[in-house]
Amino acid sequence: MNYWLKGLGVGFMVSVFIASTGCAVFLAAGAGAGMGIGAAEYIRGELKQAYAAPMEKAWQASLAAAEELKMGTTEKSIDNLDQNRVIKGKTDEGRDFQIALEATSKEVTTVKVRIGVFGDEAYSKRIQELIAKNLKK
């Protein structure tokens, strides 16, 4: 009877762990995490990551990432207070994309990536990885 209860308890803990890890996606681990602050979040088709970088540096890294992936940029916008910037366009596959940047502070910028209407987690992750790589340059 004791073994059955232990097995039930372990099974419950494993299922809780699996259920609670569905939203967070880590872009990098260990020393390679570099400029990313915390874990990236993929929620409702949008991958969000905060970087320890000022807005202008994150903006240039985002533009470079879009160019590296041959994404056609159709719109670049900056709000009046320079707290938010947006890059819109089409991927090389013809899907719409949006990269939205928000200055959380002078030295922290949050970057949100959405591909298409419903999102594409793998493609968004590639973009975020390139942004992180470009920030290290």
N, C-alpha and C. Protein backbone atom coordinates (compact mmCIF):
# COMPACT_ATOMS: atom_id res chain seq x y z
N MET A 1 0.82 -1.19 0.00
CA MET A 1 0.00 0.00 0.00
C MET A 1 0.87 1.25 0.00
N ASN A 2 1.96 1.28 0.77
CA ASN A 2 2.83 2.44 0.83
C ASN A 2 3.43 2.75 -0.54
N TYR A 3 3.85 1.72 -1.30
CA TYR A 3 4.43 1.94 -2.62
C TYR A 3 3.41 2.57 -3.56
N TRP A 4 2.16 2.15 -3.45
CA TRP A 4 1.11 2.70 -4.30
C TRP A 4 0.93 4.19 -4.01
N LEU A 5 0.91 4.57 -2.74
CA LEU A 5 0.76 5.98 -2.36
C LEU A 5 1.96 6.81 -2.82
N LYS A 6 3.18 6.27 -2.67
CA LYS A 6 4.36 6.98 -3.13
C LYS A 6 4.32 7.20 -4.63
N GLY A 7 3.93 6.16 -5.36
CA GLY A 7 3.82 6.27 -6.82
C GLY A 7 2.78 7.30 -7.23
N LEU A 8 1.68 7.32 -6.52
CA LEU A 8 0.63 8.31 -6.80
C LEU A 8 1.15 9.72 -6.54
N GLY A 9 1.87 9.90 -5.44
CA GLY A 9 2.43 11.22 -5.11
C GLY A 9 3.44 11.69 -6.14
N VAL A 10 4.33 10.78 -6.57
CA VAL A 10 5.33 11.12 -7.59
C VAL A 10 4.63 11.46 -8.90
N GLY A 11 3.65 10.68 -9.29
CA GLY A 11 2.90 10.95 -10.52
C GLY A 11 2.22 12.31 -10.48
N PHE A 12 1.66 12.65 -9.34
CA PHE A 12 1.00 13.95 -9.18
C PHE A 12 2.01 15.08 -9.32
N MET A 13 3.16 14.96 -8.67
CA MET A 13 4.19 16.01 -8.74
C MET A 13 4.70 16.18 -10.17
N VAL A 14 4.90 15.10 -10.89
CA VAL A 14 5.37 15.17 -12.28
C VAL A 14 4.32 15.86 -13.14
N SER A 15 3.06 15.53 -12.96
CA SER A 15 2.01 16.16 -13.76
C SER A 15 1.88 17.65 -13.46
N VAL A 16 2.05 18.05 -12.20
CA VAL A 16 2.01 19.47 -11.84
C VAL A 16 3.18 20.20 -12.48
N PHE A 17 4.37 19.59 -12.45
CA PHE A 17 5.55 20.20 -13.07
C PHE A 17 5.34 20.39 -14.57
N ILE A 18 4.87 19.37 -15.25
CA ILE A 18 4.65 19.46 -16.69
C ILE A 18 3.61 20.51 -17.02
N ALA A 19 2.54 20.56 -16.26
CA ALA A 19 1.46 21.53 -16.52
C ALA A 19 1.92 22.96 -16.28
N SER A 20 2.81 23.17 -15.33
CA SER A 20 3.22 24.54 -14.99
C SER A 20 4.33 25.08 -15.88
N THR A 21 4.95 24.25 -16.71
CA THR A 21 6.06 24.74 -17.53
C THR A 21 5.64 25.06 -18.95
N GLY A 22 4.39 25.02 -19.28
CA GLY A 22 3.94 25.21 -20.65
C GLY A 22 4.11 26.62 -21.19
N CYS A 23 4.08 27.64 -20.37
CA CYS A 23 4.11 29.01 -20.87
C CYS A 23 5.51 29.58 -21.01
N ALA A 24 6.42 29.15 -20.19
CA ALA A 24 7.75 29.75 -20.23
C ALA A 24 8.67 28.97 -21.15
N VAL A 25 9.40 29.71 -21.95
CA VAL A 25 10.38 29.12 -22.86
C VAL A 25 11.70 29.82 -22.59
N PHE A 26 12.74 29.05 -22.30
CA PHE A 26 14.03 29.67 -22.07
C PHE A 26 14.76 29.78 -23.39
N LEU A 27 15.25 30.98 -23.71
CA LEU A 27 15.96 31.20 -24.96
C LEU A 27 17.40 30.71 -24.87
N ALA A 28 17.97 30.83 -23.74
CA ALA A 28 19.35 30.41 -23.58
C ALA A 28 19.57 29.97 -22.14
N ALA A 29 20.62 29.20 -21.94
CA ALA A 29 20.87 28.70 -20.59
C ALA A 29 22.32 28.96 -20.22
N GLY A 30 22.57 28.99 -18.92
CA GLY A 30 23.93 29.13 -18.44
C GLY A 30 24.58 30.43 -18.85
N ALA A 31 25.86 30.35 -19.17
CA ALA A 31 26.63 31.55 -19.50
C ALA A 31 26.18 32.17 -20.82
N GLY A 32 25.54 31.43 -21.68
CA GLY A 32 25.12 31.95 -22.98
C GLY A 32 23.90 32.84 -22.92
N ALA A 33 23.28 32.98 -21.76
CA ALA A 33 22.07 33.78 -21.67
C ALA A 33 22.34 35.24 -22.01
N GLY A 34 23.51 35.72 -21.67
CA GLY A 34 23.94 37.04 -22.10
C GLY A 34 23.01 38.16 -21.71
N MET A 35 22.39 38.79 -22.68
CA MET A 35 21.65 40.02 -22.47
C MET A 35 20.21 39.80 -22.02
N GLY A 36 19.66 38.60 -22.18
CA GLY A 36 18.28 38.36 -21.79
C GLY A 36 18.12 38.40 -20.28
N ILE A 37 17.02 38.98 -19.83
CA ILE A 37 16.74 39.05 -18.41
C ILE A 37 15.59 38.09 -18.13
N GLY A 38 15.84 37.05 -17.37
CA GLY A 38 14.78 36.10 -17.04
C GLY A 38 14.40 35.22 -18.21
N ALA A 39 13.25 34.61 -18.12
CA ALA A 39 12.77 33.69 -19.14
C ALA A 39 11.87 34.41 -20.12
N ALA A 40 11.88 33.92 -21.33
CA ALA A 40 10.96 34.46 -22.33
C ALA A 40 9.58 33.86 -22.06
N GLU A 41 8.54 34.59 -22.46
CA GLU A 41 7.17 34.11 -22.28
C GLU A 41 6.50 34.04 -23.65
N TYR A 42 5.91 32.89 -23.95
CA TYR A 42 5.14 32.75 -25.18
C TYR A 42 3.68 32.65 -24.77
N ILE A 43 2.96 33.75 -24.97
CA ILE A 43 1.55 33.80 -24.55
C ILE A 43 0.73 34.35 -25.71
N ARG A 44 -0.33 33.63 -26.04
CA ARG A 44 -1.28 34.05 -27.08
C ARG A 44 -0.58 34.43 -28.39
N GLY A 45 0.40 33.64 -28.78
CA GLY A 45 1.04 33.84 -30.08
C GLY A 45 2.14 34.87 -30.10
N GLU A 46 2.53 35.38 -28.93
CA GLU A 46 3.54 36.42 -28.86
C GLU A 46 4.67 35.99 -27.92
N LEU A 47 5.91 36.10 -28.41
CA LEU A 47 7.07 35.75 -27.59
C LEU A 47 7.69 37.03 -27.05
N LYS A 48 7.73 37.15 -25.72
CA LYS A 48 8.18 38.37 -25.05
C LYS A 48 9.46 38.08 -24.27
N GLN A 49 10.47 38.97 -24.45
CA GLN A 49 11.74 38.82 -23.75
C GLN A 49 12.26 40.21 -23.37
N ALA A 50 12.73 40.35 -22.14
CA ALA A 50 13.34 41.60 -21.69
C ALA A 50 14.85 41.48 -21.85
N TYR A 51 15.48 42.57 -22.31
CA TYR A 51 16.93 42.60 -22.51
C TYR A 51 17.53 43.74 -21.71
N ALA A 52 18.73 43.50 -21.18
CA ALA A 52 19.48 44.54 -20.48
C ALA A 52 20.19 45.38 -21.53
N ALA A 53 19.41 46.20 -22.21
CA ALA A 53 19.94 47.04 -23.29
C ALA A 53 19.04 48.26 -23.44
N PRO A 54 19.63 49.42 -23.73
CA PRO A 54 18.81 50.60 -23.98
C PRO A 54 18.01 50.45 -25.27
N MET A 55 16.96 51.25 -25.41
CA MET A 55 16.06 51.16 -26.56
C MET A 55 16.79 51.19 -27.90
N GLU A 56 17.67 52.13 -28.11
CA GLU A 56 18.33 52.28 -29.42
C GLU A 56 19.14 51.05 -29.79
N LYS A 57 19.85 50.48 -28.84
CA LYS A 57 20.65 49.28 -29.10
C LYS A 57 19.74 48.09 -29.44
N ALA A 58 18.64 47.94 -28.69
CA ALA A 58 17.69 46.85 -28.96
C ALA A 58 17.01 47.06 -30.31
N TRP A 59 16.73 48.31 -30.67
CA TRP A 59 16.12 48.64 -31.97
C TRP A 59 17.05 48.22 -33.11
N GLN A 60 18.31 48.59 -33.02
CA GLN A 60 19.28 48.22 -34.06
C GLN A 60 19.45 46.71 -34.14
N ALA A 61 19.47 46.03 -33.00
CA ALA A 61 19.60 44.57 -32.97
C ALA A 61 18.37 43.90 -33.59
N SER A 62 17.20 44.48 -33.38
CA SER A 62 15.96 43.93 -33.94
C SER A 62 15.92 44.13 -35.46
N LEU A 63 16.31 45.32 -35.92
CA LEU A 63 16.36 45.58 -37.36
C LEU A 63 17.35 44.63 -38.04
N ALA A 64 18.50 44.42 -37.41
CA ALA A 64 19.50 43.52 -37.97
C ALA A 64 18.99 42.08 -38.01
N ALA A 65 18.26 41.66 -36.99
CA ALA A 65 17.71 40.30 -36.96
C ALA A 65 16.71 40.11 -38.10
N ALA A 66 15.85 41.11 -38.32
CA ALA A 66 14.87 41.03 -39.41
C ALA A 66 15.58 40.95 -40.76
N GLU A 67 16.64 41.71 -40.91
CA GLU A 67 17.39 41.70 -42.16
C GLU A 67 18.09 40.36 -42.37
N GLU A 68 18.69 39.81 -41.30
CA GLU A 68 19.38 38.52 -41.39
C GLU A 68 18.43 37.40 -41.83
N LEU A 69 17.18 37.48 -41.40
CA LEU A 69 16.19 36.46 -41.76
C LEU A 69 15.44 36.79 -43.05
N LYS A 70 15.91 37.84 -43.74
CA LYS A 70 15.31 38.26 -45.01
C LYS A 70 13.82 38.58 -44.88
N MET A 71 13.50 39.27 -43.79
CA MET A 71 12.13 39.68 -43.54
C MET A 71 11.95 41.07 -44.15
N GLY A 72 10.95 41.22 -44.99
CA GLY A 72 10.71 42.50 -45.64
C GLY A 72 10.00 43.45 -44.70
N THR A 73 10.65 44.55 -44.38
CA THR A 73 10.08 45.54 -43.47
C THR A 73 9.22 46.53 -44.25
N THR A 74 7.96 46.68 -43.82
CA THR A 74 7.04 47.61 -44.48
C THR A 74 6.74 48.84 -43.63
N GLU A 75 7.00 48.74 -42.32
CA GLU A 75 6.70 49.87 -41.43
C GLU A 75 7.65 49.87 -40.24
N LYS A 76 8.15 51.05 -39.93
CA LYS A 76 8.95 51.26 -38.72
C LYS A 76 8.37 52.50 -38.04
N SER A 77 7.95 52.35 -36.79
CA SER A 77 7.34 53.49 -36.11
C SER A 77 7.93 53.67 -34.72
N ILE A 78 8.00 54.94 -34.32
CA ILE A 78 8.52 55.33 -33.00
C ILE A 78 7.52 56.30 -32.40
N ASP A 79 7.09 56.05 -31.15
CA ASP A 79 6.13 56.98 -30.54
C ASP A 79 6.82 58.28 -30.14
N ASN A 80 6.04 59.27 -29.81
CA ASN A 80 6.55 60.62 -29.51
C ASN A 80 7.52 60.65 -28.34
N LEU A 81 7.31 59.82 -27.35
CA LEU A 81 8.17 59.81 -26.17
C LEU A 81 9.32 58.81 -26.29
N ASP A 82 9.40 58.12 -27.42
CA ASP A 82 10.42 57.10 -27.68
C ASP A 82 10.41 55.99 -26.63
N GLN A 83 9.22 55.66 -26.13
CA GLN A 83 9.07 54.56 -25.19
C GLN A 83 8.70 53.26 -25.90
N ASN A 84 8.12 53.39 -27.10
CA ASN A 84 7.68 52.23 -27.88
C ASN A 84 8.10 52.39 -29.33
N ARG A 85 8.55 51.29 -29.91
CA ARG A 85 8.89 51.26 -31.33
C ARG A 85 8.34 49.96 -31.90
N VAL A 86 7.98 50.00 -33.19
CA VAL A 86 7.39 48.82 -33.84
C VAL A 86 8.00 48.64 -35.23
N ILE A 87 8.29 47.39 -35.56
CA ILE A 87 8.73 47.00 -36.90
C ILE A 87 7.68 46.03 -37.42
N LYS A 88 7.13 46.31 -38.60
CA LYS A 88 6.14 45.42 -39.22
C LYS A 88 6.59 45.06 -40.62
N GLY A 89 6.10 43.93 -41.10
CA GLY A 89 6.43 43.52 -42.46
C GLY A 89 5.98 42.10 -42.74
N LYS A 90 6.68 41.46 -43.69
CA LYS A 90 6.36 40.09 -44.08
C LYS A 90 7.63 39.24 -44.01
N THR A 91 7.45 37.99 -43.59
CA THR A 91 8.58 37.06 -43.56
C THR A 91 8.90 36.64 -44.99
N ASP A 92 9.99 35.91 -45.14
CA ASP A 92 10.34 35.41 -46.47
C ASP A 92 9.30 34.40 -46.99
N GLU A 93 8.45 33.90 -46.09
CA GLU A 93 7.38 32.98 -46.46
C GLU A 93 6.07 33.71 -46.74
N GLY A 94 6.07 35.05 -46.59
CA GLY A 94 4.88 35.84 -46.88
C GLY A 94 3.93 36.04 -45.72
N ARG A 95 4.33 35.64 -44.51
CA ARG A 95 3.47 35.84 -43.33
C ARG A 95 3.77 37.19 -42.69
N ASP A 96 2.74 37.84 -42.16
CA ASP A 96 2.92 39.11 -41.47
C ASP A 96 3.73 38.89 -40.20
N PHE A 97 4.50 39.90 -39.83
CA PHE A 97 5.21 39.85 -38.55
C PHE A 97 5.19 41.22 -37.91
N GLN A 98 5.38 41.22 -36.59
CA GLN A 98 5.50 42.46 -35.84
C GLN A 98 6.52 42.24 -34.73
N ILE A 99 7.45 43.18 -34.62
CA ILE A 99 8.41 43.20 -33.52
C ILE A 99 8.16 44.51 -32.79
N ALA A 100 7.67 44.43 -31.56
CA ALA A 100 7.34 45.61 -30.77
C ALA A 100 8.34 45.74 -29.62
N LEU A 101 8.91 46.93 -29.48
CA LEU A 101 9.87 47.19 -28.42
C LEU A 101 9.29 48.21 -27.45
N GLU A 102 9.51 47.96 -26.16
CA GLU A 102 9.03 48.87 -25.12
C GLU A 102 10.17 49.14 -24.15
N ALA A 103 10.47 50.40 -23.92
CA ALA A 103 11.51 50.78 -22.96
C ALA A 103 10.94 50.63 -21.55
N THR A 104 11.40 49.61 -20.86
CA THR A 104 10.96 49.38 -19.48
C THR A 104 11.66 50.36 -18.55
N SER A 105 12.93 50.65 -18.85
CA SER A 105 13.71 51.67 -18.16
C SER A 105 14.77 52.14 -19.16
N LYS A 106 15.69 52.99 -18.72
CA LYS A 106 16.72 53.47 -19.64
C LYS A 106 17.64 52.34 -20.11
N GLU A 107 17.81 51.32 -19.29
CA GLU A 107 18.74 50.23 -19.61
C GLU A 107 18.06 48.88 -19.85
N VAL A 108 16.74 48.84 -19.87
CA VAL A 108 16.01 47.58 -20.11
C VAL A 108 14.94 47.81 -21.17
N THR A 109 14.95 46.94 -22.17
CA THR A 109 13.97 47.00 -23.25
C THR A 109 13.31 45.64 -23.39
N THR A 110 11.97 45.64 -23.47
CA THR A 110 11.21 44.42 -23.69
C THR A 110 10.87 44.33 -25.17
N VAL A 111 11.14 43.15 -25.75
CA VAL A 111 10.88 42.93 -27.17
C VAL A 111 9.82 41.84 -27.29
N LYS A 112 8.74 42.16 -28.04
CA LYS A 112 7.64 41.20 -28.27
C LYS A 112 7.60 40.88 -29.75
N VAL A 113 7.58 39.59 -30.08
CA VAL A 113 7.58 39.15 -31.47
C VAL A 113 6.32 38.33 -31.74
N ARG A 114 5.64 38.66 -32.84
CA ARG A 114 4.47 37.89 -33.29
C ARG A 114 4.63 37.62 -34.78
N ILE A 115 4.38 36.37 -35.15
CA ILE A 115 4.41 35.96 -36.55
C ILE A 115 3.00 35.52 -36.93
N GLY A 116 2.42 36.14 -37.95
CA GLY A 116 1.08 35.78 -38.38
C GLY A 116 0.03 36.15 -37.35
N VAL A 117 -1.18 35.68 -37.59
CA VAL A 117 -2.31 36.00 -36.71
C VAL A 117 -2.22 35.22 -35.40
N PHE A 118 -1.90 33.93 -35.50
CA PHE A 118 -1.91 33.07 -34.33
C PHE A 118 -0.54 32.86 -33.72
N GLY A 119 0.52 33.38 -34.34
CA GLY A 119 1.86 33.24 -33.81
C GLY A 119 2.56 31.98 -34.30
N ASP A 120 3.86 31.99 -34.22
CA ASP A 120 4.71 30.86 -34.59
C ASP A 120 5.86 30.87 -33.58
N GLU A 121 5.78 30.00 -32.60
CA GLU A 121 6.74 30.02 -31.50
C GLU A 121 8.17 29.78 -31.98
N ALA A 122 8.37 28.81 -32.86
CA ALA A 122 9.72 28.49 -33.33
C ALA A 122 10.34 29.66 -34.09
N TYR A 123 9.58 30.28 -34.98
CA TYR A 123 10.10 31.41 -35.76
C TYR A 123 10.36 32.60 -34.85
N SER A 124 9.45 32.86 -33.91
CA SER A 124 9.63 33.95 -32.95
C SER A 124 10.89 33.73 -32.12
N LYS A 125 11.13 32.50 -31.74
CA LYS A 125 12.31 32.17 -30.94
C LYS A 125 13.58 32.45 -31.75
N ARG A 126 13.58 32.12 -33.04
CA ARG A 126 14.74 32.40 -33.90
C ARG A 126 15.04 33.90 -33.93
N ILE A 127 14.00 34.70 -34.04
CA ILE A 127 14.17 36.15 -34.06
C ILE A 127 14.76 36.64 -32.73
N GLN A 128 14.19 36.19 -31.63
CA GLN A 128 14.68 36.61 -30.31
C GLN A 128 16.14 36.18 -30.11
N GLU A 129 16.50 34.98 -30.58
CA GLU A 129 17.87 34.52 -30.46
C GLU A 129 18.82 35.40 -31.25
N LEU A 130 18.40 35.82 -32.45
CA LEU A 130 19.23 36.71 -33.26
C LEU A 130 19.36 38.09 -32.62
N ILE A 131 18.29 38.58 -32.03
CA ILE A 131 18.34 39.87 -31.32
C ILE A 131 19.36 39.77 -30.19
N ALA A 132 19.29 38.71 -29.40
CA ALA A 132 20.25 38.52 -28.30
C ALA A 132 21.67 38.46 -28.82
N LYS A 133 21.87 37.73 -29.93
CA LYS A 133 23.21 37.64 -30.53
C LYS A 133 23.69 39.01 -30.99
N ASN A 134 22.81 39.77 -31.64
CA ASN A 134 23.19 41.09 -32.13
C ASN A 134 23.48 42.07 -31.00
N LEU A 135 22.85 41.89 -29.86
CA LEU A 135 23.11 42.76 -28.71
C LEU A 135 24.51 42.53 -28.12
N LYS A 136 25.06 41.37 -28.35
CA LYS A 136 26.39 41.06 -27.82
C LYS A 136 27.50 41.66 -28.67
N LYS A 137 27.16 42.13 -29.88
CA LYS A 137 28.19 42.68 -30.78
C LYS A 137 28.68 44.01 -30.30
